[in-house]
Protein backbone atom coordinates (compact mmCIF):
# COMPACT_ATOMS: atom_id res chain seq x y z
CA MET A 1 23.72 -10.68 -27.44
CA SER A 2 20.32 -10.75 -25.74
CA GLN A 3 17.76 -8.27 -27.02
CA HIS A 4 15.93 -8.23 -23.67
CA LYS A 5 16.25 -4.96 -21.80
CA GLU A 6 17.47 -5.65 -18.28
CA VAL A 7 14.79 -4.96 -15.70
CA LYS A 8 16.24 -2.84 -12.94
CA LEU A 9 14.83 -3.68 -9.53
CA VAL A 10 13.40 -0.82 -7.52
CA THR A 11 15.12 -0.59 -4.12
CA THR A 12 14.74 1.64 -1.07
CA HIS A 13 17.97 3.33 -2.17
CA GLN A 14 16.50 4.09 -5.59
CA LEU A 15 13.40 5.69 -4.03
CA LEU A 16 15.72 8.06 -2.16
CA ALA A 17 17.50 8.89 -5.42
CA MET A 18 14.13 9.50 -7.11
CA LYS A 19 13.21 12.05 -4.44
CA ARG A 20 16.57 13.80 -4.82
CA ARG A 21 16.14 14.22 -8.56
CA GLY A 22 12.47 15.21 -8.27
CA GLU A 23 11.05 12.09 -9.93
CA LYS A 24 7.65 11.17 -8.51
CA ILE A 25 7.14 7.69 -7.05
CA SER A 26 4.13 5.61 -8.18
CA MET A 27 2.62 3.13 -5.74
CA LEU A 28 -0.50 0.94 -5.78
CA THR A 29 -1.85 -1.83 -3.60
CA ALA A 30 -1.79 -5.46 -4.74
CA TYR A 31 -3.05 -8.62 -3.04
CA ASP A 32 -2.78 -11.43 -5.59
CA PHE A 33 -0.52 -12.87 -8.29
CA SER A 34 -2.59 -11.98 -11.38
CA MET A 35 -3.12 -8.33 -10.47
CA ALA A 36 0.48 -7.89 -9.31
CA THR A 37 1.74 -9.29 -12.64
CA ILE A 38 -0.22 -6.61 -14.52
CA LEU A 39 0.81 -3.76 -12.22
CA ASP A 40 4.48 -4.73 -12.19
CA GLY A 41 4.49 -5.12 -15.98
CA ALA A 42 2.96 -1.65 -16.35
CA GLY A 43 5.93 -0.10 -14.56
CA ILE A 44 4.69 0.63 -11.03
CA ASP A 45 7.55 1.55 -8.65
CA VAL A 46 6.16 0.21 -5.38
CA LEU A 47 3.51 -2.40 -4.65
CA LEU A 48 1.91 -2.20 -1.22
CA VAL A 49 0.40 -5.41 0.08
CA GLY A 50 -2.07 -3.39 2.10
CA ASP A 51 -4.12 -4.47 5.08
CA SER A 52 -6.88 -2.92 2.94
CA ALA A 53 -7.13 -6.55 1.73
CA SER A 54 -9.35 -6.83 4.81
CA ASN A 55 -11.84 -4.54 3.04
CA VAL A 56 -11.51 -5.22 -0.68
CA MET A 57 -10.63 -8.93 -0.62
CA ALA A 58 -12.44 -10.14 2.49
CA GLY A 59 -15.36 -7.71 2.80
CA HIS A 60 -14.66 -6.47 6.34
CA GLU A 61 -15.69 -2.95 7.32
CA THR A 62 -12.26 -2.10 8.76
CA THR A 63 -8.65 -3.22 8.35
CA LEU A 64 -8.55 -4.63 11.90
CA PRO A 65 -9.69 -8.27 11.36
CA ILE A 66 -6.96 -9.32 8.91
CA THR A 67 -4.38 -11.65 10.47
CA LEU A 68 -0.61 -11.94 10.10
CA ASP A 69 -1.04 -15.32 8.35
CA GLN A 70 -3.47 -13.79 5.86
CA MET A 71 -1.10 -10.88 5.16
CA ILE A 72 1.73 -13.33 4.54
CA TYR A 73 -0.49 -15.29 2.13
CA HIS A 74 -1.33 -12.14 0.13
CA ALA A 75 2.27 -10.91 0.20
CA SER A 76 3.75 -14.19 -1.03
CA SER A 77 1.21 -14.21 -3.90
CA VAL A 78 2.35 -10.71 -4.93
CA VAL A 79 6.08 -11.43 -4.55
CA ARG A 80 5.81 -14.41 -6.92
CA ALA A 81 4.55 -12.05 -9.64
CA VAL A 82 7.03 -9.21 -9.27
CA LYS A 83 10.07 -8.69 -11.48
CA ARG A 84 10.78 -5.02 -10.80
CA ALA A 85 8.67 -3.27 -8.14
CA LEU A 86 9.59 -2.88 -4.47
CA VAL A 87 7.10 -4.91 -2.41
CA VAL A 88 6.09 -3.34 0.93
CA VAL A 89 3.90 -5.35 3.29
CA ASP A 90 1.56 -3.83 5.88
CA MET A 91 1.99 -5.21 9.38
CA PRO A 92 -1.57 -5.94 10.53
CA PHE A 93 -3.27 -4.59 13.63
CA GLY A 94 -2.05 -6.35 16.78
CA SER A 95 1.22 -7.58 15.29
CA TYR A 96 3.43 -4.72 16.51
CA GLN A 97 1.63 -2.29 18.83
CA GLY A 98 2.76 -2.25 22.46
CA ASN A 99 5.28 -5.07 22.24
CA SER A 100 8.55 -4.63 20.36
CA SER A 101 9.49 -8.33 20.67
CA GLU A 102 6.18 -9.31 19.08
CA ALA A 103 6.78 -6.64 16.41
CA LEU A 104 10.17 -8.12 15.54
CA ARG A 105 8.79 -11.67 15.41
CA SER A 106 5.95 -10.52 13.11
CA ALA A 107 8.27 -8.60 10.78
CA ILE A 108 10.70 -11.53 10.55
CA ARG A 109 7.83 -13.89 9.67
CA ILE A 110 6.65 -11.51 6.93
CA MET A 111 10.13 -11.25 5.40
CA LYS A 112 10.98 -14.98 5.68
CA GLU A 113 7.63 -16.45 4.66
CA SER A 114 6.50 -13.98 1.99
CA GLY A 115 9.77 -12.77 0.49
CA GLY A 116 8.60 -9.15 0.75
CA HIS A 117 11.16 -6.35 0.65
CA ALA A 118 9.98 -4.08 3.49
CA VAL A 119 7.22 -3.62 6.07
CA LYS A 120 4.91 -0.68 6.82
CA LEU A 121 3.70 0.33 10.29
CA GLU A 122 1.11 2.94 11.32
CA GLY A 123 1.98 5.49 13.99
CA GLY A 124 4.70 7.73 15.38
CA ALA A 125 6.32 8.10 18.80
CA GLU A 126 4.01 5.51 20.37
CA ILE A 127 5.52 2.69 18.24
CA LYS A 128 9.12 3.94 18.41
CA GLU A 129 10.44 0.80 20.16
CA SER A 130 8.83 -1.53 17.64
CA ILE A 131 10.32 0.35 14.67
CA THR A 132 13.79 0.43 16.27
CA ARG A 133 13.64 -3.30 17.03
CA ILE A 134 12.60 -4.20 13.47
CA LEU A 135 15.31 -1.99 11.97
CA THR A 136 17.99 -3.68 14.10
CA ALA A 137 17.18 -6.92 12.25
CA GLY A 138 17.97 -5.18 8.94
CA ILE A 139 14.34 -5.03 7.84
CA PRO A 140 13.43 -1.82 5.96
CA VAL A 141 10.50 0.08 7.49
CA MET A 142 8.06 2.49 5.83
CA GLY A 143 6.13 4.77 8.19
CA HIS A 144 2.47 5.85 7.98
CA LEU A 145 0.99 8.98 9.58
CA GLY A 146 -2.15 11.09 9.29
CA LEU A 147 -5.28 8.98 8.98
CA THR A 148 -4.15 5.60 10.28
CA PRO A 149 -7.03 3.18 9.55
CA GLN A 150 -5.94 0.67 12.24
CA SER A 151 -6.79 3.39 14.81
CA ILE A 152 -10.26 4.01 13.36
CA TYR A 153 -12.05 3.32 16.64
CA LYS A 154 -9.86 5.91 18.38
CA PHE A 155 -10.61 8.54 15.70
CA GLY A 156 -14.22 7.44 15.25
CA THR A 157 -14.24 8.75 11.67
CA TYR A 158 -12.37 8.61 8.37
CA THR A 159 -12.31 12.40 7.94
CA VAL A 160 -9.20 14.50 7.23
CA ARG A 161 -6.62 14.41 10.04
CA ALA A 162 -4.27 17.09 11.44
CA LYS A 163 -6.40 20.13 10.65
CA GLU A 164 -5.88 21.42 14.21
CA GLU A 165 -2.53 23.02 15.11
CA THR A 166 -1.67 20.54 17.92
CA GLU A 167 -2.28 17.46 15.77
CA ALA A 168 -0.41 19.04 12.85
CA GLN A 169 2.56 19.78 15.11
CA LYS A 170 2.59 16.21 16.45
CA LEU A 171 2.49 14.88 12.88
CA ILE A 172 5.54 16.98 11.91
CA GLU A 173 7.40 15.79 15.01
CA ASP A 174 6.44 12.16 14.37
CA ALA A 175 7.55 12.43 10.72
CA GLN A 176 10.96 13.75 11.78
CA LEU A 177 11.22 11.03 14.43
CA LEU A 178 10.46 8.27 11.90
CA GLN A 179 13.20 9.62 9.65
CA GLU A 180 15.66 9.79 12.56
CA LEU A 181 14.83 6.21 13.60
CA GLY A 182 15.75 5.05 10.10
CA CYS A 183 12.50 4.63 8.12
CA PHE A 184 13.22 4.71 4.38
CA ALA A 185 9.92 6.39 3.40
CA LEU A 186 6.66 7.69 4.82
CA VAL A 187 3.01 7.50 3.78
CA LEU A 188 0.79 10.48 4.68
CA GLU A 189 -2.92 9.74 4.49
CA LYS A 190 -5.77 12.26 4.26
CA ILE A 191 -4.14 15.39 5.68
CA PRO A 192 -4.20 19.01 4.43
CA SER A 193 -2.12 19.51 1.27
CA SER A 194 -0.10 22.37 2.79
CA LEU A 195 0.91 20.26 5.80
CA ALA A 196 1.94 17.34 3.57
CA GLN A 197 4.07 19.69 1.47
CA GLN A 198 5.72 21.04 4.62
CA VAL A 199 6.61 17.50 5.76
CA ALA A 200 7.90 16.47 2.31
CA GLU A 201 10.14 19.54 2.17
CA LYS A 202 11.48 19.00 5.71
CA LEU A 203 12.36 15.33 5.23
CA THR A 204 15.13 13.81 3.13
CA ILE A 205 13.23 10.49 2.85
CA PRO A 206 10.42 10.13 0.26
CA VAL A 207 6.91 11.10 1.37
CA ILE A 208 4.09 9.29 -0.44
CA GLY A 209 0.60 10.70 -0.21
CA ILE A 210 -2.94 9.35 -0.35
CA GLY A 211 -5.33 12.26 -0.11
CA ALA A 212 -2.38 14.49 0.83
CA GLY A 213 -2.26 16.70 -2.25
CA PRO A 214 0.24 16.96 -5.12
CA ASN A 215 3.28 18.43 -3.36
CA VAL A 216 4.71 15.19 -1.97
CA ASP A 217 7.22 12.75 -3.50
CA GLY A 218 4.76 10.14 -4.74
CA GLN A 219 1.20 8.85 -4.67
CA VAL A 220 -0.53 5.64 -3.60
CA LEU A 221 -4.08 4.41 -4.21
CA VAL A 222 -5.96 1.19 -3.55
CA VAL A 223 -5.94 -0.58 -6.92
CA HIS A 224 -9.59 -1.74 -6.70
CA ASP A 225 -10.65 1.89 -6.16
CA MET A 226 -8.62 3.41 -9.00
CA LEU A 227 -9.72 0.68 -11.44
CA GLY A 228 -13.40 1.13 -10.54
CA ILE A 229 -13.84 -2.41 -9.23
CA THR A 230 -15.24 -1.00 -5.98
CA LYS A 231 -18.14 1.30 -6.76
CA GLU A 232 -19.35 2.72 -3.43
CA PHE A 233 -16.07 4.31 -2.24
CA LYS A 234 -15.84 7.86 -3.65
CA PRO A 235 -13.51 10.09 -1.60
CA ARG A 236 -12.35 13.39 -3.10
CA PHE A 237 -8.74 12.16 -3.48
CA LEU A 238 -9.66 9.16 -5.67
CA ARG A 239 -9.30 9.36 -9.44
CA ARG A 240 -10.86 6.42 -11.29
CA TYR A 241 -8.79 5.36 -14.29
CA ALA A 242 -11.27 2.69 -15.43
CA GLU A 243 -14.74 1.37 -14.65
CA LEU A 244 -13.87 -2.32 -14.50
CA ALA A 245 -16.91 -3.29 -12.40
CA ASP A 246 -19.15 -2.35 -15.36
CA LEU A 247 -16.97 -4.21 -17.88
CA MET A 248 -16.79 -7.32 -15.70
CA SER A 249 -20.49 -7.30 -14.94
CA ASP A 250 -21.29 -6.99 -18.66
CA ALA A 251 -18.95 -9.89 -19.53
CA VAL A 252 -20.49 -12.16 -16.88
CA THR A 253 -24.03 -11.22 -17.94
CA ARG A 254 -23.20 -12.17 -21.55
CA TYR A 255 -21.59 -15.44 -20.41
CA VAL A 256 -24.68 -16.38 -18.36
CA GLN A 257 -26.93 -15.58 -21.34
CA ASP A 258 -24.79 -17.61 -23.76
CA VAL A 259 -24.88 -20.64 -21.45
CA LYS A 260 -28.67 -20.34 -20.99
CA ASP A 261 -29.20 -19.88 -24.77
CA HIS A 262 -27.05 -22.92 -25.64
CA ASN A 263 -24.59 -20.54 -27.39
CA PHE A 264 -21.60 -21.55 -25.28
CA PRO A 265 -19.69 -23.67 -25.99
CA SER A 266 -20.04 -23.72 -29.78
CA ALA A 267 -19.00 -26.62 -32.01
CA GLU A 268 -15.59 -24.90 -32.51
CA GLU A 269 -15.13 -24.70 -28.71
CA ALA A 270 -15.79 -28.41 -28.15
CA TYR A 271 -13.37 -31.37 -28.51
């Protein structure tokens, strides 16, 4: 009999069960095979192939420039690494807004070409048709409300959203709408903790927060931020679990020095 413990795949259904029993959901971003292998092996529940790749992988100021082809490339790299986690892929800016047929085509391409398990879209009532159309094809959809980075030029700032009563009310209505449409989960970004708690308690689907306080069903962070690979980004909600930029910089500095000093490779390291 095999000694290997069977790895149970995380599914949308399991996330629902986790919420029901009060087990928190862990989620991080991933954009490449090597990183995804480490994260999946460490037991992460959900891997988000985020359009934040536009920032951390490509160096853009916003998430807007990343293309559907680029998202599919990142997603397929992550999927090849994963043995357990649910892989959710961000639909990039311009691939679903304002045209539900385009949204369906984009979502189908993501699923077929990357092998991802679900897609994530930003917005509420204004993208209702796109979400409905994607769901009719049997593609699981995760919602995203609060600070929606693809709308950064509309907001003009990355500050906390939904502090005013009208915006808070719209967020609650949008959250309920997304659940009614059939979304399996919802991300709430950078909103007051009390509002996030209210939404999480109202909904039966899991609510995952980023800068939305502790009283939601799970948490997500950008992996480069939480590992300290990016140094300049320091929002209040971010906890750094390592300072990898320092470690990596030190390793490279020592490598450069060893090459310059004729210390690498040594006789033992040569054929």
